[in-house]
C-alpha atoms as a PDB file:
ATOM      1  CA  UNK A   1     -18.299  13.198 -71.695  1.00  0.00           C
ATOM      2  CA  UNK A   2     -19.695  10.140 -70.263  1.00  0.00           C
ATOM      3  CA  UNK A   3     -16.803   7.467 -69.130  1.00  0.00           C
ATOM      4  CA  UNK A   4     -16.289   3.800 -67.937  1.00  0.00           C
ATOM      5  CA  UNK A   5     -18.090   3.321 -64.579  1.00  0.00           C
ATOM      6  CA  UNK A   6     -16.327   4.016 -60.960  1.00  0.00           C
ATOM      7  CA  UNK A   7     -14.800  -0.184 -60.131  1.00  0.00           C
ATOM      8  CA  UNK A   8     -13.620   0.080 -63.866  1.00  0.00           C
ATOM      9  CA  UNK A   9     -11.811   3.210 -63.935  1.00  0.00           C
ATOM     10  CA  UNK A  10     -10.483   2.499 -60.646  1.00  0.00           C
ATOM     11  CA  UNK A  11      -9.351  -1.334 -61.713  1.00  0.00           C
ATOM     12  CA  UNK A  12      -7.406  -0.149 -64.962  1.00  0.00           C
ATOM     13  CA  UNK A  13      -5.510   2.596 -62.641  1.00  0.00           C
ATOM     14  CA  UNK A  14      -4.948  -0.087 -60.187  1.00  0.00           C
ATOM     15  CA  UNK A  15      -3.579  -2.487 -62.484  1.00  0.00           C
ATOM     16  CA  UNK A  16      -0.812   0.632 -63.756  1.00  0.00           C
ATOM     17  CA  UNK A  17       0.014   1.155 -60.213  1.00  0.00           C
ATOM     18  CA  UNK A  18       0.837  -2.351 -59.165  1.00  0.00           C
ATOM     19  CA  UNK A  19       2.616  -3.048 -62.187  1.00  0.00           C
ATOM     20  CA  UNK A  20       4.435   0.630 -62.292  1.00  0.00           C
ATOM     21  CA  UNK A  21       5.377  -0.557 -58.173  1.00  0.00           C
ATOM     22  CA  UNK A  22       6.695  -3.655 -58.866  1.00  0.00           C
ATOM     23  CA  UNK A  23       8.760  -2.803 -61.591  1.00  0.00           C
ATOM     24  CA  UNK A  24      11.044  -0.407 -59.140  1.00  0.00           C
ATOM     25  CA  UNK A  25      13.693  -2.216 -57.504  1.00  0.00           C
ATOM     26  CA  UNK A  26      15.393   0.582 -56.652  1.00  0.00           C
ATOM     27  CA  UNK A  27      12.866   2.143 -54.815  1.00  0.00           C
ATOM     28  CA  UNK A  28      11.556  -1.432 -53.168  1.00  0.00           C
ATOM     29  CA  UNK A  29      14.739  -3.048 -51.956  1.00  0.00           C
ATOM     30  CA  UNK A  30      15.640  -0.177 -49.706  1.00  0.00           C
ATOM     31  CA  UNK A  31      12.496   0.060 -48.319  1.00  0.00           C
ATOM     32  CA  UNK A  32      12.194  -3.698 -47.632  1.00  0.00           C
ATOM     33  CA  UNK A  33      15.583  -4.113 -46.266  1.00  0.00           C
ATOM     34  CA  UNK A  34      16.818  -0.559 -44.215  1.00  0.00           C
ATOM     35  CA  UNK A  35      13.356  -1.787 -41.608  1.00  0.00           C
ATOM     36  CA  UNK A  36      15.060  -5.418 -41.339  1.00  0.00           C
ATOM     37  CA  UNK A  37      18.404  -4.051 -40.447  1.00  0.00           C
ATOM     38  CA  UNK A  38      17.298  -1.839 -37.876  1.00  0.00           C
ATOM     39  CA  UNK A  39      15.216  -4.806 -36.168  1.00  0.00           C
ATOM     40  CA  UNK A  40      18.754  -6.233 -36.141  1.00  0.00           C
ATOM     41  CA  UNK A  41      20.457  -3.645 -34.700  1.00  0.00           C
ATOM     42  CA  UNK A  42      18.162  -2.467 -31.867  1.00  0.00           C
ATOM     43  CA  UNK A  43      17.769  -5.765 -30.500  1.00  0.00           C
ATOM     44  CA  UNK A  44      20.672  -6.510 -30.083  1.00  0.00           C
ATOM     45  CA  UNK A  45      21.248  -5.843 -26.650  1.00  0.00           C
ATOM     46  CA  UNK A  46      17.788  -6.704 -26.308  1.00  0.00           C
ATOM     47  CA  UNK A  47      18.564  -9.218 -23.405  1.00  0.00           C
ATOM     48  CA  UNK A  48      19.685  -5.962 -21.336  1.00  0.00           C
ATOM     49  CA  UNK A  49      16.727  -3.634 -21.791  1.00  0.00           C
ATOM     50  CA  UNK A  50      13.890  -6.811 -20.985  1.00  0.00           C
ATOM     51  CA  UNK A  51      15.536  -6.728 -17.637  1.00  0.00           C
ATOM     52  CA  UNK A  52      14.077  -3.418 -16.517  1.00  0.00           C
ATOM     53  CA  UNK A  53      11.363  -3.927 -13.788  1.00  0.00           C
ATOM     54  CA  UNK A  54       8.131  -3.975 -15.462  1.00  0.00           C
ATOM     55  CA  UNK A  55       9.183  -4.645 -19.272  1.00  0.00           C
ATOM     56  CA  UNK A  56       6.477  -6.480 -20.896  1.00  0.00           C
ATOM     57  CA  UNK A  57       7.926  -9.182 -22.414  1.00  0.00           C
ATOM     58  CA  UNK A  58      10.891 -11.534 -22.210  1.00  0.00           C
ATOM     59  CA  UNK A  59      12.095 -10.922 -26.455  1.00  0.00           C
ATOM     60  CA  UNK A  60      13.036  -8.112 -26.753  1.00  0.00           C
ATOM     61  CA  UNK A  61      12.833  -8.576 -30.637  1.00  0.00           C
ATOM     62  CA  UNK A  62       8.860  -9.473 -30.212  1.00  0.00           C
ATOM     63  CA  UNK A  63       8.689  -5.798 -28.265  1.00  0.00           C
ATOM     64  CA  UNK A  64      10.253  -4.173 -31.479  1.00  0.00           C
ATOM     65  CA  UNK A  65       8.666  -5.717 -34.168  1.00  0.00           C
ATOM     66  CA  UNK A  66       5.566  -3.788 -34.190  1.00  0.00           C
ATOM     67  CA  UNK A  67       7.765  -0.991 -34.760  1.00  0.00           C
ATOM     68  CA  UNK A  68       9.297  -2.425 -37.830  1.00  0.00           C
ATOM     69  CA  UNK A  69       6.194  -2.953 -39.373  1.00  0.00           C
ATOM     70  CA  UNK A  70       5.717   0.678 -38.699  1.00  0.00           C
ATOM     71  CA  UNK A  71       8.371   1.884 -40.113  1.00  0.00           C
ATOM     72  CA  UNK A  72       8.240  -0.537 -43.253  1.00  0.00           C
ATOM     73  CA  UNK A  73       4.452   0.973 -43.431  1.00  0.00           C
ATOM     74  CA  UNK A  74       6.334   4.841 -43.318  1.00  0.00           C
ATOM     75  CA  UNK A  75       8.110   3.755 -46.638  1.00  0.00           C
ATOM     76  CA  UNK A  76       4.920   3.746 -48.214  1.00  0.00           C
ATOM     77  CA  UNK A  77       4.832   7.359 -48.110  1.00  0.00           C
ATOM     78  CA  UNK A  78       7.905   8.229 -50.173  1.00  0.00           C
ATOM     79  CA  UNK A  79       6.849   5.400 -52.585  1.00  0.00           C
ATOM     80  CA  UNK A  80       3.812   6.205 -53.623  1.00  0.00           C
ATOM     81  CA  UNK A  81       4.723  10.096 -53.805  1.00  0.00           C
ATOM     82  CA  UNK A  82       7.708   9.181 -55.888  1.00  0.00           C
ATOM     83  CA  UNK A  83       5.492   7.224 -58.322  1.00  0.00           C
ATOM     84  CA  UNK A  84       2.458  10.013 -58.444  1.00  0.00           C
ATOM     85  CA  UNK A  85       5.091  12.858 -58.582  1.00  0.00           C
ATOM     86  CA  UNK A  86       6.870  10.873 -61.717  1.00  0.00           C
ATOM     87  CA  UNK A  87       3.478  11.392 -63.596  1.00  0.00           C
ATOM     88  CA  UNK A  88       3.073  14.853 -62.741  1.00  0.00           C
ATOM     89  CA  UNK A  89       6.325  15.390 -63.872  1.00  0.00           C
ATOM     90  CA  UNK A  90       5.768  12.896 -66.751  1.00  0.00           C
ATOM     91  CA  UNK A  91       2.431  15.036 -68.037  1.00  0.00           C
ATOM     92  CA  UNK A  92       0.746  11.817 -67.491  1.00  0.00           C
ATOM     93  CA  UNK A  93      -1.484  13.412 -64.788  1.00  0.00           C
ATOM     94  CA  UNK A  94      -2.150  16.458 -67.251  1.00  0.00           C
ATOM     95  CA  UNK A  95      -3.163  14.086 -70.227  1.00  0.00           C
ATOM     96  CA  UNK A  96      -5.653  11.879 -67.988  1.00  0.00           C
ATOM     97  CA  UNK A  97      -6.926  14.960 -66.766  1.00  0.00           C
ATOM     98  CA  UNK A  98      -8.552  15.356 -70.510  1.00  0.00           C
ATOM     99  CA  UNK A  99     -10.221  11.941 -69.838  1.00  0.00           C
ATOM    100  CA  UNK A 100     -13.184  11.134 -67.894  1.00  0.00           C
ATOM    101  CA  UNK A 101     -11.379   9.713 -65.216  1.00  0.00           C
ATOM    102  CA  UNK A 102     -12.516  10.760 -61.769  1.00  0.00           C
ATOM    103  CA  UNK A 103     -10.009  12.313 -59.543  1.00  0.00           C
ATOM    104  CA  UNK A 104     -11.193  10.248 -56.670  1.00  0.00           C
ATOM    105  CA  UNK A 105     -10.774   7.050 -58.736  1.00  0.00           C
ATOM    106  CA  UNK A 106      -6.944   8.509 -59.804  1.00  0.00           C
ATOM    107  CA  UNK A 107      -5.758   9.095 -56.101  1.00  0.00           C
ATOM    108  CA  UNK A 108      -7.475   5.812 -55.040  1.00  0.00           C
ATOM    109  CA  UNK A 109      -5.518   3.531 -57.171  1.00  0.00           C
ATOM    110  CA  UNK A 110      -2.444   5.314 -56.582  1.00  0.00           C
ATOM    111  CA  UNK A 111      -2.636   2.865 -53.463  1.00  0.00           C
ATOM    112  CA  UNK A 112      -3.099   0.039 -54.600  1.00  0.00           C
ATOM    113  CA  UNK A 113       0.877  -0.693 -55.726  1.00  0.00           C
ATOM    114  CA  UNK A 114       2.139   0.193 -51.853  1.00  0.00           C
ATOM    115  CA  UNK A 115      -0.740  -1.874 -50.859  1.00  0.00           C
ATOM    116  CA  UNK A 116       0.121  -4.837 -52.347  1.00  0.00           C
ATOM    117  CA  UNK A 117       4.127  -4.432 -51.885  1.00  0.00           C
ATOM    118  CA  UNK A 118       3.018  -3.675 -48.099  1.00  0.00           C
ATOM    119  CA  UNK A 119       0.848  -6.611 -47.535  1.00  0.00           C
ATOM    120  CA  UNK A 120       3.910  -8.940 -48.810  1.00  0.00           C
ATOM    121  CA  UNK A 121       6.477  -6.907 -46.988  1.00  0.00           C
ATOM    122  CA  UNK A 122       4.091  -7.477 -44.092  1.00  0.00           C
ATOM    123  CA  UNK A 123       4.262 -10.686 -44.127  1.00  0.00           C
ATOM    124  CA  UNK A 124       7.595 -11.544 -44.626  1.00  0.00           C
ATOM    125  CA  UNK A 125       8.798  -9.413 -41.112  1.00  0.00           C
ATOM    126  CA  UNK A 126       6.389 -11.486 -39.615  1.00  0.00           C
ATOM    127  CA  UNK A 127       7.775 -14.675 -41.116  1.00  0.00           C
ATOM    128  CA  UNK A 128      11.565 -13.270 -40.295  1.00  0.00           C
ATOM    129  CA  UNK A 129      10.396 -12.213 -36.636  1.00  0.00           C
ATOM    130  CA  UNK A 130       8.996 -15.616 -36.181  1.00  0.00           C
ATOM    131  CA  UNK A 131      12.009 -17.746 -37.412  1.00  0.00           C
ATOM    132  CA  UNK A 132      13.484 -15.283 -35.049  1.00  0.00           C
ATOM    133  CA  UNK A 133      11.816 -16.423 -32.119  1.00  0.00           C
ATOM    134  CA  UNK A 134       8.738 -13.646 -32.173  1.00  0.00           C
ATOM    135  CA  UNK A 135       5.658 -14.874 -30.408  1.00  0.00           C
ATOM    136  CA  UNK A 136       2.237 -13.172 -31.141  1.00  0.00           C
ATOM    137  CA  UNK A 137       0.314 -13.719 -27.941  1.00  0.00           C
ATOM    138  CA  UNK A 138      -2.975 -12.957 -29.742  1.00  0.00           C
ATOM    139  CA  UNK A 139      -2.221 -16.222 -31.881  1.00  0.00           C
ATOM    140  CA  UNK A 140      -3.208 -17.299 -35.183  1.00  0.00           C
ATOM    141  CA  UNK A 141      -6.064 -14.979 -35.419  1.00  0.00           C
ATOM    142  CA  UNK A 142      -4.343 -11.905 -33.964  1.00  0.00           C
ATOM    143  CA  UNK A 143      -1.010 -12.626 -36.854  1.00  0.00           C
ATOM    144  CA  UNK A 144      -3.968 -11.864 -39.509  1.00  0.00           C
ATOM    145  CA  UNK A 145      -5.006  -8.721 -37.713  1.00  0.00           C
ATOM    146  CA  UNK A 146      -1.676  -8.042 -37.685  1.00  0.00           C
ATOM    147  CA  UNK A 147      -1.665  -7.999 -41.411  1.00  0.00           C
ATOM    148  CA  UNK A 148      -4.663  -6.642 -41.654  1.00  0.00           C
ATOM    149  CA  UNK A 149      -3.432  -3.130 -38.855  1.00  0.00           C
ATOM    150  CA  UNK A 150      -0.414  -3.060 -41.009  1.00  0.00           C
ATOM    151  CA  UNK A 151      -2.488  -2.902 -44.078  1.00  0.00           C
ATOM    152  CA  UNK A 152      -4.435   0.300 -42.835  1.00  0.00           C
ATOM    153  CA  UNK A 153      -1.047   1.602 -41.611  1.00  0.00           C
ATOM    154  CA  UNK A 154       0.393   1.818 -45.430  1.00  0.00           C
ATOM    155  CA  UNK A 155      -2.784   2.823 -46.836  1.00  0.00           C
ATOM    156  CA  UNK A 156      -2.872   5.999 -44.442  1.00  0.00           C
ATOM    157  CA  UNK A 157       1.027   7.024 -44.362  1.00  0.00           C
ATOM    158  CA  UNK A 158       0.738   6.367 -48.449  1.00  0.00           C
ATOM    159  CA  UNK A 159      -2.144   9.117 -48.840  1.00  0.00           C
ATOM    160  CA  UNK A 160       0.582  11.620 -47.078  1.00  0.00           C
ATOM    161  CA  UNK A 161       2.580  10.551 -49.961  1.00  0.00           C
ATOM    162  CA  UNK A 162      -0.062  11.368 -52.640  1.00  0.00           C
ATOM    163  CA  UNK A 163      -0.841  14.671 -50.790  1.00  0.00           C
ATOM    164  CA  UNK A 164       2.462  15.757 -50.528  1.00  0.00           C
ATOM    165  CA  UNK A 165       3.538  14.317 -54.455  1.00  0.00           C
ATOM    166  CA  UNK A 166      -0.044  17.010 -55.141  1.00  0.00           C
ATOM    167  CA  UNK A 167       1.190  19.534 -53.224  1.00  0.00           C
ATOM    168  CA  UNK A 168       4.620  20.161 -54.964  1.00  0.00           C
ATOM    169  CA  UNK A 169       4.749  18.621 -57.584  1.00  0.00           C
ATOM    170  CA  UNK A 170       7.787  16.793 -57.242  1.00  0.00           C
ATOM    171  CA  UNK A 171       9.234  13.001 -56.925  1.00  0.00           C
ATOM    172  CA  UNK A 172      12.175  14.207 -55.203  1.00  0.00           C
ATOM    173  CA  UNK A 173      10.431  16.459 -52.708  1.00  0.00           C
ATOM    174  CA  UNK A 174       8.511  13.834 -51.104  1.00  0.00           C
ATOM    175  CA  UNK A 175      11.718  12.173 -50.376  1.00  0.00           C
ATOM    176  CA  UNK A 176      12.434  14.229 -47.320  1.00  0.00           C
ATOM    177  CA  UNK A 177       9.003  12.675 -45.304  1.00  0.00           C
ATOM    178  CA  UNK A 178      10.656   9.494 -45.121  1.00  0.00           C
ATOM    179  CA  UNK A 179      13.330  11.319 -42.710  1.00  0.00           C
ATOM    180  CA  UNK A 180      10.522  13.201 -40.938  1.00  0.00           C
ATOM    181  CA  UNK A 181       8.826   9.520 -40.213  1.00  0.00           C
ATOM    182  CA  UNK A 182      11.519   8.099 -38.908  1.00  0.00           C
ATOM    183  CA  UNK A 183      12.640  11.140 -36.210  1.00  0.00           C
ATOM    184  CA  UNK A 184       9.284  10.500 -35.043  1.00  0.00           C
ATOM    185  CA  UNK A 185       9.361   6.784 -34.564  1.00  0.00           C
ATOM    186  CA  UNK A 186      13.131   7.229 -32.234  1.00  0.00           C
ATOM    187  CA  UNK A 187      10.842  10.271 -30.554  1.00  0.00           C
ATOM    188  CA  UNK A 188       8.110   7.526 -29.686  1.00  0.00           C
ATOM    189  CA  UNK A 189       7.747   4.684 -27.934  1.00  0.00           C
ATOM    190  CA  UNK A 190       9.419   2.200 -30.566  1.00  0.00           C
ATOM    191  CA  UNK A 191      12.538   1.080 -28.110  1.00  0.00           C
ATOM    192  CA  UNK A 192      10.850   1.463 -24.694  1.00  0.00           C
ATOM    193  CA  UNK A 193       7.117   1.279 -23.178  1.00  0.00           C
ATOM    194  CA  UNK A 194       6.205   5.334 -22.418  1.00  0.00           C
ATOM    195  CA  UNK A 195       5.513   4.212 -18.587  1.00  0.00           C
ATOM    196  CA  UNK A 196       9.343   3.075 -18.423  1.00  0.00           C
ATOM    197  CA  UNK A 197      10.490   6.054 -20.198  1.00  0.00           C
ATOM    198  CA  UNK A 198      12.556   7.746 -17.446  1.00  0.00           C
ATOM    199  CA  UNK A 199      13.273  11.178 -19.002  1.00  0.00           C
ATOM    200  CA  UNK A 200      10.446  13.516 -18.521  1.00  0.00           C
ATOM    201  CA  UNK A 201      10.235  15.578 -21.887  1.00  0.00           C
ATOM    202  CA  UNK A 202      10.900  12.425 -23.637  1.00  0.00           C
ATOM    203  CA  UNK A 203       7.656  10.615 -21.920  1.00  0.00           C
ATOM    204  CA  UNK A 204       5.907  13.542 -22.671  1.00  0.00           C
ATOM    205  CA  UNK A 205       6.613  13.743 -26.499  1.00  0.00           C
ATOM    206  CA  UNK A 206       6.149  10.310 -26.614  1.00  0.00           C
ATOM    207  CA  UNK A 207       2.795  10.483 -25.291  1.00  0.00           C
ATOM    208  CA  UNK A 208       1.542  13.304 -27.595  1.00  0.00           C
ATOM    209  CA  UNK A 209       3.657  11.398 -30.679  1.00  0.00           C
ATOM    210  CA  UNK A 210       0.967   9.892 -32.859  1.00  0.00           C
ATOM    211  CA  UNK A 211       3.348   6.805 -33.524  1.00  0.00           C
ATOM    212  CA  UNK A 212       3.428   5.544 -30.657  1.00  0.00           C
ATOM    213  CA  UNK A 213      -0.221   4.521 -30.945  1.00  0.00           C
ATOM    214  CA  UNK A 214       0.458   3.617 -34.420  1.00  0.00           C
ATOM    215  CA  UNK A 215       3.325   1.341 -32.801  1.00  0.00           C
ATOM    216  CA  UNK A 216       1.558   0.111 -29.668  1.00  0.00           C
ATOM    217  CA  UNK A 217      -1.752  -1.230 -31.583  1.00  0.00           C
ATOM    218  CA  UNK A 218       0.221  -4.198 -33.261  1.00  0.00           C
ATOM    219  CA  UNK A 219       2.760  -4.482 -30.051  1.00  0.00           C
ATOM    220  CA  UNK A 220      -0.337  -5.182 -28.244  1.00  0.00           C
ATOM    221  CA  UNK A 221      -0.980  -8.528 -30.440  1.00  0.00           C
ATOM    222  CA  UNK A 222       2.400  -9.813 -30.187  1.00  0.00           C
ATOM    223  CA  UNK A 223       3.143  -9.095 -26.358  1.00  0.00           C
ATOM    224  CA  UNK A 224      -0.934  -8.610 -24.409  1.00  0.00           C
ATOM    225  CA  UNK A 225      -2.749 -10.519 -26.602  1.00  0.00           C
ATOM    226  CA  UNK A 226      -6.047  -8.602 -27.676  1.00  0.00           C
ATOM    227  CA  UNK A 227      -6.212  -5.173 -26.536  1.00  0.00           C
ATOM    228  CA  UNK A 228      -9.081  -3.414 -27.898  1.00  0.00           C
ATOM    229  CA  UNK A 229      -8.000   0.021 -26.685  1.00  0.00           C
ATOM    230  CA  UNK A 230      -4.548   0.061 -28.199  1.00  0.00           C
ATOM    231  CA  UNK A 231      -5.727  -1.221 -30.899  1.00  0.00           C
ATOM    232  CA  UNK A 232      -8.828   1.897 -31.596  1.00  0.00           C
ATOM    233  CA  UNK A 233      -6.589   4.589 -30.800  1.00  0.00           C
ATOM    234  CA  UNK A 234      -3.815   2.791 -33.824  1.00  0.00           C
ATOM    235  CA  UNK A 235      -6.339   2.032 -35.885  1.00  0.00           C
ATOM    236  CA  UNK A 236      -8.683   4.925 -35.310  1.00  0.00           C
ATOM    237  CA  UNK A 237      -5.214   7.594 -36.182  1.00  0.00           C
ATOM    238  CA  UNK A 238      -4.695   5.519 -39.133  1.00  0.00           C
ATOM    239  CA  UNK A 239      -7.770   5.707 -40.488  1.00  0.00           C
ATOM    240  CA  UNK A 240      -8.859   9.160 -39.470  1.00  0.00           C
ATOM    241  CA  UNK A 241      -5.280  10.108 -41.346  1.00  0.00           C
ATOM    242  CA  UNK A 242      -6.644   8.244 -44.278  1.00  0.00           C
ATOM    243  CA  UNK A 243      -9.797   9.892 -44.297  1.00  0.00           C
ATOM    244  CA  UNK A 244      -8.336  13.231 -44.109  1.00  0.00           C
ATOM    245  CA  UNK A 245      -5.489  12.961 -46.847  1.00  0.00           C
ATOM    246  CA  UNK A 246      -7.693  11.224 -49.177  1.00  0.00           C
ATOM    247  CA  UNK A 247     -10.120  14.242 -48.994  1.00  0.00           C
ATOM    248  CA  UNK A 248      -7.466  16.667 -49.579  1.00  0.00           C
ATOM    249  CA  UNK A 249      -5.628  14.755 -52.333  1.00  0.00           C
ATOM    250  CA  UNK A 250      -8.503  14.726 -53.968  1.00  0.00           C
ATOM    251  CA  UNK A 251      -9.529  18.604 -53.698  1.00  0.00           C
ATOM    252  CA  UNK A 252      -5.461  19.382 -54.957  1.00  0.00           C
ATOM    253  CA  UNK A 253      -6.080  17.631 -57.715  1.00  0.00           C
ATOM    254  CA  UNK A 254      -8.877  18.877 -58.980  1.00  0.00           C
ATOM    255  CA  UNK A 255      -7.065  22.470 -58.415  1.00  0.00           C
ATOM    256  CA  UNK A 256      -4.380  20.841 -60.253  1.00  0.00           C
ATOM    257  CA  UNK A 257      -6.094  20.339 -63.033  1.00  0.00           C
ATOM    258  CA  UNK A 258      -7.944  23.087 -63.359  1.00  0.00           C
ATOM    259  CA  UNK A 259      -4.740  24.466 -63.067  1.00  0.00           C
ATOM    260  CA  UNK A 260      -5.360  27.093 -59.942  1.00  0.00           C
END
């Protein structure tokens, strides 16, 4: 049975994904507000932290904003997983499996909603930061790259949520992933540069924690300017995660459709 071209399939499913995402304020609002709340709380005593010898900036809120962007991106894990999990539980996935829609189109289109929401979310965080005195060392071009990097992170985290939903078949079970992401954030270089962490075991964990490199990529644009190594490491980890998770998610979708 011949179906519409792949771009048409992706386009139609993507529009559905965007519409569904924007109609879920109960999921959107907490994910939007919580990172800003954390930014406010953590930056309260920032003047003391920036006095540490060797700290890279005099503005602690500028230092923290990168972690806020990553925290916001991490919310795509539960949002994307929730929506796909709901499709599985409602039987929509089973019904669409009877049509000529390609599995790759279905999986890819699921990220459209979190991508649109994520761009708006990243712009909001940046505007709030600028209003609070944040500076972007890399300039206007750096601010645009900052949004692009955030989008890549959102897609990477969203792909993890899709895989989790396909493996568990449940929207509720995906919720725990955000707690894991939050725990990894606090065990990273979120609040202090790795070279200034005094506790050896914490520094070791932060060094091996991929969240540190996701945070340090946008942080470099805010604090130090154009740092190719930091951007390459952070974006490389995100891109690899996206590719691997989309591949295994597509494989899991085929298995689910075949009932294996």
